[in-house]
Amino acid sequence: MRDSNEDMIELIDTSNLDGAYSSTIRCKIADEELTLRFGIEPIDYGYLKRILGFRPFENTGVASYRYFFALSYRKDEDNENLGRIVVRVEQLSRHKQYEFTTTRKYIASILWFSLLTDKKQVEQMIKR
């Protein structure tokens, strides 16, 4: 298990505004930290709400939690549209990795962001 969240994509938020579902992430592109918001499938909204609401450590009121896609995933053997991702959950100095379900389409999107080297491809997604 990695001891750092370096180079991982942070899962920040998910929202549903009048049926328009989106995910907000933070990633590094060309040495620049960017916060991006992009459209997702409605099913992923539910999956992301579960991830971002997961509080595994005892002192939940002490500090906020942070969630990072560890860039590790696998197929779901029972459903070809789903996959299992590894998420690093952090609170203060504590951290542990857990596996969660999401769609393979969402996984592909996150992996695409991790490969970008120029922010021009995501200019319209940058959250200011």
Foldseek 3Di string as FASTA:
>chain_A
DDQDLPLWKWFDAWDADPNFTKTWIWGAAQNDIFIFIDTDDPVQNVQVVVVLPDDPDDCPPPFHKIKTFPLDKAADPVDRQKIKTWIWIDDDSDIDIDITMGGVVVSVVSVVVSPHHDCVVRVVGTDD
